[in-house]
Amino acid sequence: MDELVWQRPTACGDGNNCPEVAVTANAVFVRSSLRPDAITRLDVSEWRDLVSAIRAGEFDA
């Protein structure tokens, strides 16, 4: 696998508890900056479903 380029939301600033994503042609990889070795791979459809659920507030407490 090619080297992944990780990005985090600008709202995190220099924080150390942030979600990070790396996008490739066929997948989106997600991890926490607290556990950078615990990486989840999502295909494009799964990523779209996750983003839609977040926007719809499905994970709001």
PDB file of N, CA and C in Angstrom:
ATOM      1  N   MET A   1       0.838  -1.171   0.000  1.00  0.00           N
ATOM      2  CA  MET A   1       0.000   0.000   0.000  1.00  0.00           C
ATOM      3  C   MET A   1       0.885   1.237   0.000  1.00  0.00           C
ATOM      4  N   ASP A   2       0.461   2.252  -0.741  1.00  0.00           N
ATOM      5  CA  ASP A   2       1.192   3.518  -0.770  1.00  0.00           C
ATOM      6  C   ASP A   2       1.103   4.197   0.585  1.00  0.00           C
ATOM      7  N   GLU A   3       2.006   5.099   0.820  1.00  0.00           N
ATOM      8  CA  GLU A   3       1.995   5.890   2.042  1.00  0.00           C
ATOM      9  C   GLU A   3       0.719   6.730   2.089  1.00  0.00           C
ATOM     10  N   LEU A   4      -0.002   6.658   3.209  1.00  0.00           N
ATOM     11  CA  LEU A   4      -1.241   7.417   3.356  1.00  0.00           C
ATOM     12  C   LEU A   4      -0.927   8.829   3.820  1.00  0.00           C
ATOM     13  N   VAL A   5      -1.671   9.789   3.292  1.00  0.00           N
ATOM     14  CA  VAL A   5      -1.538  11.185   3.687  1.00  0.00           C
ATOM     15  C   VAL A   5      -2.716  11.507   4.599  1.00  0.00           C
ATOM     16  N   TRP A   6      -2.440  11.684   5.877  1.00  0.00           N
ATOM     17  CA  TRP A   6      -3.480  11.896   6.877  1.00  0.00           C
ATOM     18  C   TRP A   6      -3.828  13.371   7.007  1.00  0.00           C
ATOM     19  N   GLN A   7      -5.142  13.627   7.138  1.00  0.00           N
ATOM     20  CA  GLN A   7      -5.636  14.988   7.327  1.00  0.00           C
ATOM     21  C   GLN A   7      -6.544  14.995   8.545  1.00  0.00           C
ATOM     22  N   ARG A   8      -6.584  16.118   9.239  1.00  0.00           N
ATOM     23  CA  ARG A   8      -7.476  16.266  10.388  1.00  0.00           C
ATOM     24  C   ARG A   8      -8.236  17.574  10.232  1.00  0.00           C
ATOM     25  N   PRO A   9      -9.384  17.688  10.886  1.00  0.00           N
ATOM     26  CA  PRO A   9     -10.162  18.930  10.787  1.00  0.00           C
ATOM     27  C   PRO A   9      -9.356  20.114  11.308  1.00  0.00           C
ATOM     28  N   THR A  10      -9.536  21.251  10.680  1.00  0.00           N
ATOM     29  CA  THR A  10      -8.835  22.447  11.128  1.00  0.00           C
ATOM     30  C   THR A  10      -9.274  22.848  12.537  1.00  0.00           C
ATOM     31  N   ALA A  11     -10.482  22.467  12.937  1.00  0.00           N
ATOM     32  CA  ALA A  11     -10.972  22.791  14.280  1.00  0.00           C
ATOM     33  C   ALA A  11     -10.132  22.121  15.364  1.00  0.00           C
ATOM     34  N   CYS A  12      -9.397  21.074  15.024  1.00  0.00           N
ATOM     35  CA  CYS A  12      -8.559  20.387  16.002  1.00  0.00           C
ATOM     36  C   CYS A  12      -7.311  21.177  16.352  1.00  0.00           C
ATOM     37  N   GLY A  13      -6.877  22.022  15.451  1.00  0.00           N
ATOM     38  CA  GLY A  13      -5.660  22.778  15.706  1.00  0.00           C
ATOM     39  C   GLY A  13      -4.514  21.842  16.016  1.00  0.00           C
ATOM     40  N   ASP A  14      -3.855  22.084  17.139  1.00  0.00           N
ATOM     41  CA  ASP A  14      -2.737  21.242  17.569  1.00  0.00           C
ATOM     42  C   ASP A  14      -3.176  20.207  18.599  1.00  0.00           C
ATOM     43  N   GLY A  15      -4.481  19.983  18.714  1.00  0.00           N
ATOM     44  CA  GLY A  15      -4.994  19.029  19.691  1.00  0.00           C
ATOM     45  C   GLY A  15      -4.500  17.618  19.422  1.00  0.00           C
ATOM     46  N   ASN A  16      -4.579  16.778  20.439  1.00  0.00           N
ATOM     47  CA  ASN A  16      -4.085  15.410  20.274  1.00  0.00           C
ATOM     48  C   ASN A  16      -5.193  14.371  20.360  1.00  0.00           C
ATOM     49  N   ASN A  17      -6.447  14.787  20.269  1.00  0.00           N
ATOM     50  CA  ASN A  17      -7.574  13.860  20.287  1.00  0.00           C
ATOM     51  C   ASN A  17      -8.490  14.189  19.125  1.00  0.00           C
ATOM     52  N   CYS A  18      -8.024  13.873  17.923  1.00  0.00           N
ATOM     53  CA  CYS A  18      -8.722  14.287  16.715  1.00  0.00           C
ATOM     54  C   CYS A  18      -8.924  13.121  15.756  1.00  0.00           C
ATOM     55  N   PRO A  19     -10.033  13.147  15.002  1.00  0.00           N
ATOM     56  CA  PRO A  19     -10.173  12.160  13.940  1.00  0.00           C
ATOM     57  C   PRO A  19      -9.252  12.545  12.787  1.00  0.00           C
ATOM     58  N   GLU A  20      -8.744  11.539  12.105  1.00  0.00           N
ATOM     59  CA  GLU A  20      -7.892  11.768  10.942  1.00  0.00           C
ATOM     60  C   GLU A  20      -8.360  10.861   9.812  1.00  0.00           C
ATOM     61  N   VAL A  21      -8.308  11.375   8.592  1.00  0.00           N
ATOM     62  CA  VAL A  21      -8.699  10.578   7.429  1.00  0.00           C
ATOM     63  C   VAL A  21      -7.612  10.645   6.368  1.00  0.00           C
ATOM     64  N   ALA A  22      -7.527   9.572   5.596  1.00  0.00           N
ATOM     65  CA  ALA A  22      -6.649   9.516   4.427  1.00  0.00           C
ATOM     66  C   ALA A  22      -7.485   8.951   3.282  1.00  0.00           C
ATOM     67  N   VAL A  23      -7.496   9.648   2.176  1.00  0.00           N
ATOM     68  CA  VAL A  23      -8.333   9.270   1.038  1.00  0.00           C
ATOM     69  C   VAL A  23      -7.464   8.734  -0.093  1.00  0.00           C
ATOM     70  N   THR A  24      -7.855   7.565  -0.619  1.00  0.00           N
ATOM     71  CA  THR A  24      -7.201   6.995  -1.795  1.00  0.00           C
ATOM     72  C   THR A  24      -8.254   6.847  -2.888  1.00  0.00           C
ATOM     73  N   ALA A  25      -7.877   6.313  -4.015  1.00  0.00           N
ATOM     74  CA  ALA A  25      -8.806   6.166  -5.129  1.00  0.00           C
ATOM     75  C   ALA A  25      -9.961   5.216  -4.810  1.00  0.00           C
ATOM     76  N   ASN A  26      -9.723   4.219  -3.958  1.00  0.00           N
ATOM     77  CA  ASN A  26     -10.739   3.196  -3.718  1.00  0.00           C
ATOM     78  C   ASN A  26     -11.231   3.111  -2.284  1.00  0.00           C
ATOM     79  N   ALA A  27     -10.660   3.907  -1.386  1.00  0.00           N
ATOM     80  CA  ALA A  27     -11.030   3.771   0.022  1.00  0.00           C
ATOM     81  C   ALA A  27     -10.747   5.048   0.793  1.00  0.00           C
ATOM     82  N   VAL A  28     -11.376   5.106   1.964  1.00  0.00           N
ATOM     83  CA  VAL A  28     -11.099   6.167   2.931  1.00  0.00           C
ATOM     84  C   VAL A  28     -10.671   5.465   4.212  1.00  0.00           C
ATOM     85  N   PHE A  29      -9.560   5.898   4.766  1.00  0.00           N
ATOM     86  CA  PHE A  29      -9.031   5.320   5.989  1.00  0.00           C
ATOM     87  C   PHE A  29      -9.272   6.308   7.119  1.00  0.00           C
ATOM     88  N   VAL A  30      -9.699   5.794   8.269  1.00  0.00           N
ATOM     89  CA  VAL A  30     -10.042   6.640   9.408  1.00  0.00           C
ATOM     90  C   VAL A  30      -9.277   6.136  10.625  1.00  0.00           C
ATOM     91  N   ARG A  31      -8.787   7.072  11.438  1.00  0.00           N
ATOM     92  CA  ARG A  31      -8.115   6.713  12.686  1.00  0.00           C
ATOM     93  C   ARG A  31      -8.262   7.871  13.671  1.00  0.00           C
ATOM     94  N   SER A  32      -7.904   7.621  14.908  1.00  0.00           N
ATOM     95  CA  SER A  32      -7.847   8.649  15.935  1.00  0.00           C
ATOM     96  C   SER A  32      -6.386   9.039  16.136  1.00  0.00           C
ATOM     97  N   SER A  33      -6.158  10.314  16.367  1.00  0.00           N
ATOM     98  CA  SER A  33      -4.780  10.736  16.619  1.00  0.00           C
ATOM     99  C   SER A  33      -4.247  10.134  17.921  1.00  0.00           C
ATOM    100  N   LEU A  34      -5.136   9.695  18.806  1.00  0.00           N
ATOM    101  CA  LEU A  34      -4.695   9.043  20.040  1.00  0.00           C
ATOM    102  C   LEU A  34      -4.247   7.603  19.808  1.00  0.00           C
ATOM    103  N   ARG A  35      -4.772   6.972  18.754  1.00  0.00           N
ATOM    104  CA  ARG A  35      -4.416   5.580  18.444  1.00  0.00           C
ATOM    105  C   ARG A  35      -4.112   5.461  16.952  1.00  0.00           C
ATOM    106  N   PRO A  36      -3.016   6.021  16.503  1.00  0.00           N
ATOM    107  CA  PRO A  36      -2.723   6.070  15.068  1.00  0.00           C
ATOM    108  C   PRO A  36      -2.506   4.709  14.411  1.00  0.00           C
ATOM    109  N   ASP A  37      -2.283   3.651  15.194  1.00  0.00           N
ATOM    110  CA  ASP A  37      -2.109   2.323  14.602  1.00  0.00           C
ATOM    111  C   ASP A  37      -3.433   1.589  14.408  1.00  0.00           C
ATOM    112  N   ALA A  38      -4.518   2.108  14.975  1.00  0.00           N
ATOM    113  CA  ALA A  38      -5.846   1.494  14.845  1.00  0.00           C
ATOM    114  C   ALA A  38      -6.571   2.175  13.691  1.00  0.00           C
ATOM    115  N   ILE A  39      -6.421   1.609  12.495  1.00  0.00           N
ATOM    116  CA  ILE A  39      -6.939   2.208  11.272  1.00  0.00           C
ATOM    117  C   ILE A  39      -8.125   1.400  10.759  1.00  0.00           C
ATOM    118  N   THR A  40      -9.185   2.119  10.407  1.00  0.00           N
ATOM    119  CA  THR A  40     -10.361   1.494   9.800  1.00  0.00           C
ATOM    120  C   THR A  40     -10.411   1.865   8.325  1.00  0.00           C
ATOM    121  N   ARG A  41     -10.654   0.873   7.489  1.00  0.00           N
ATOM    122  CA  ARG A  41     -10.759   1.103   6.043  1.00  0.00           C
ATOM    123  C   ARG A  41     -12.218   1.058   5.644  1.00  0.00           C
ATOM    124  N   LEU A  42     -12.692   2.100   4.979  1.00  0.00           N
ATOM    125  CA  LEU A  42     -14.060   2.159   4.477  1.00  0.00           C
ATOM    126  C   LEU A  42     -14.027   2.260   2.960  1.00  0.00           C
ATOM    127  N   ASP A  43     -14.924   1.527   2.298  1.00  0.00           N
ATOM    128  CA  ASP A  43     -15.026   1.754   0.857  1.00  0.00           C
ATOM    129  C   ASP A  43     -15.826   3.041   0.651  1.00  0.00           C
ATOM    130  N   VAL A  44     -15.913   3.495  -0.574  1.00  0.00           N
ATOM    131  CA  VAL A  44     -16.538   4.788  -0.866  1.00  0.00           C
ATOM    132  C   VAL A  44     -17.993   4.822  -0.400  1.00  0.00           C
ATOM    133  N   SER A  45     -18.721   3.754  -0.599  1.00  0.00           N
ATOM    134  CA  SER A  45     -20.121   3.689  -0.183  1.00  0.00           C
ATOM    135  C   SER A  45     -20.256   3.777   1.338  1.00  0.00           C
ATOM    136  N   GLU A  46     -19.408   3.070   2.046  1.00  0.00           N
ATOM    137  CA  GLU A  46     -19.435   3.123   3.515  1.00  0.00           C
ATOM    138  C   GLU A  46     -19.098   4.528   4.014  1.00  0.00           C
ATOM    139  N   TRP A  47     -18.132   5.178   3.381  1.00  0.00           N
ATOM    140  CA  TRP A  47     -17.752   6.536   3.765  1.00  0.00           C
ATOM    141  C   TRP A  47     -18.927   7.493   3.559  1.00  0.00           C
ATOM    142  N   ARG A  48     -19.596   7.388   2.419  1.00  0.00           N
ATOM    143  CA  ARG A  48     -20.756   8.251   2.152  1.00  0.00           C
ATOM    144  C   ARG A  48     -21.854   8.022   3.184  1.00  0.00           C
ATOM    145  N   ASP A  49     -22.100   6.765   3.534  1.00  0.00           N
ATOM    146  CA  ASP A  49     -23.111   6.451   4.550  1.00  0.00           C
ATOM    147  C   ASP A  49     -22.737   7.053   5.901  1.00  0.00           C
ATOM    148  N   LEU A  50     -21.473   6.948   6.278  1.00  0.00           N
ATOM    149  CA  LEU A  50     -21.018   7.505   7.552  1.00  0.00           C
ATOM    150  C   LEU A  50     -21.179   9.018   7.576  1.00  0.00           C
ATOM    151  N   VAL A  51     -20.742   9.690   6.537  1.00  0.00           N
ATOM    152  CA  VAL A  51     -20.847  11.147   6.484  1.00  0.00           C
ATOM    153  C   VAL A  51     -22.314  11.578   6.512  1.00  0.00           C
ATOM    154  N   SER A  52     -23.175  10.875   5.799  1.00  0.00           N
ATOM    155  CA  SER A  52     -24.607  11.196   5.803  1.00  0.00           C
ATOM    156  C   SER A  52     -25.204  11.035   7.192  1.00  0.00           C
ATOM    157  N   ALA A  53     -24.832   9.967   7.889  1.00  0.00           N
ATOM    158  CA  ALA A  53     -25.340   9.727   9.244  1.00  0.00           C
ATOM    159  C   ALA A  53     -24.859  10.813  10.211  1.00  0.00           C
ATOM    160  N   ILE A  54     -23.601  11.232  10.072  1.00  0.00           N
ATOM    161  CA  ILE A  54     -23.082  12.305  10.926  1.00  0.00           C
ATOM    162  C   ILE A  54     -23.843  13.593  10.673  1.00  0.00           C
ATOM    163  N   ARG A  55     -24.038  13.921   9.408  1.00  0.00           N
ATOM    164  CA  ARG A  55     -24.760  15.159   9.064  1.00  0.00           C
ATOM    165  C   ARG A  55     -26.207  15.126   9.549  1.00  0.00           C
ATOM    166  N   ALA A  56     -26.801  13.937   9.580  1.00  0.00           N
ATOM    167  CA  ALA A  56     -28.199  13.799  10.016  1.00  0.00           C
ATOM    168  C   ALA A  56     -28.323  13.763  11.543  1.00  0.00           C
ATOM    169  N   GLY A  57     -27.190  13.794  12.248  1.00  0.00           N
ATOM    170  CA  GLY A  57     -27.207  13.828  13.699  1.00  0.00           C
ATOM    171  C   GLY A  57     -27.433  12.479  14.348  1.00  0.00           C
ATOM    172  N   GLU A  58     -27.223  11.399  13.619  1.00  0.00           N
ATOM    173  CA  GLU A  58     -27.470  10.065  14.167  1.00  0.00           C
ATOM    174  C   GLU A  58     -26.557   9.688  15.312  1.00  0.00           C
ATOM    175  N   PHE A  59     -25.449  10.391  15.487  1.00  0.00           N
ATOM    176  CA  PHE A  59     -24.511  10.058  16.551  1.00  0.00           C
ATOM    177  C   PHE A  59     -24.501  11.108  17.664  1.00  0.00           C
ATOM    178  N   ASP A  60     -25.397  12.085  17.565  1.00  0.00           N
ATOM    179  CA  ASP A  60     -25.465  13.119  18.597  1.00  0.00           C
ATOM    180  C   ASP A  60     -25.977  12.516  19.899  1.00  0.00           C
ATOM    181  N   ALA A  61     -25.394  12.944  20.969  1.00  0.00           N
ATOM    182  CA  ALA A  61     -25.806  12.423  22.286  1.00  0.00           C
ATOM    183  C   ALA A  61     -27.039  13.116  22.799  1.00  0.00           C
TER     184      ALA A  61
END
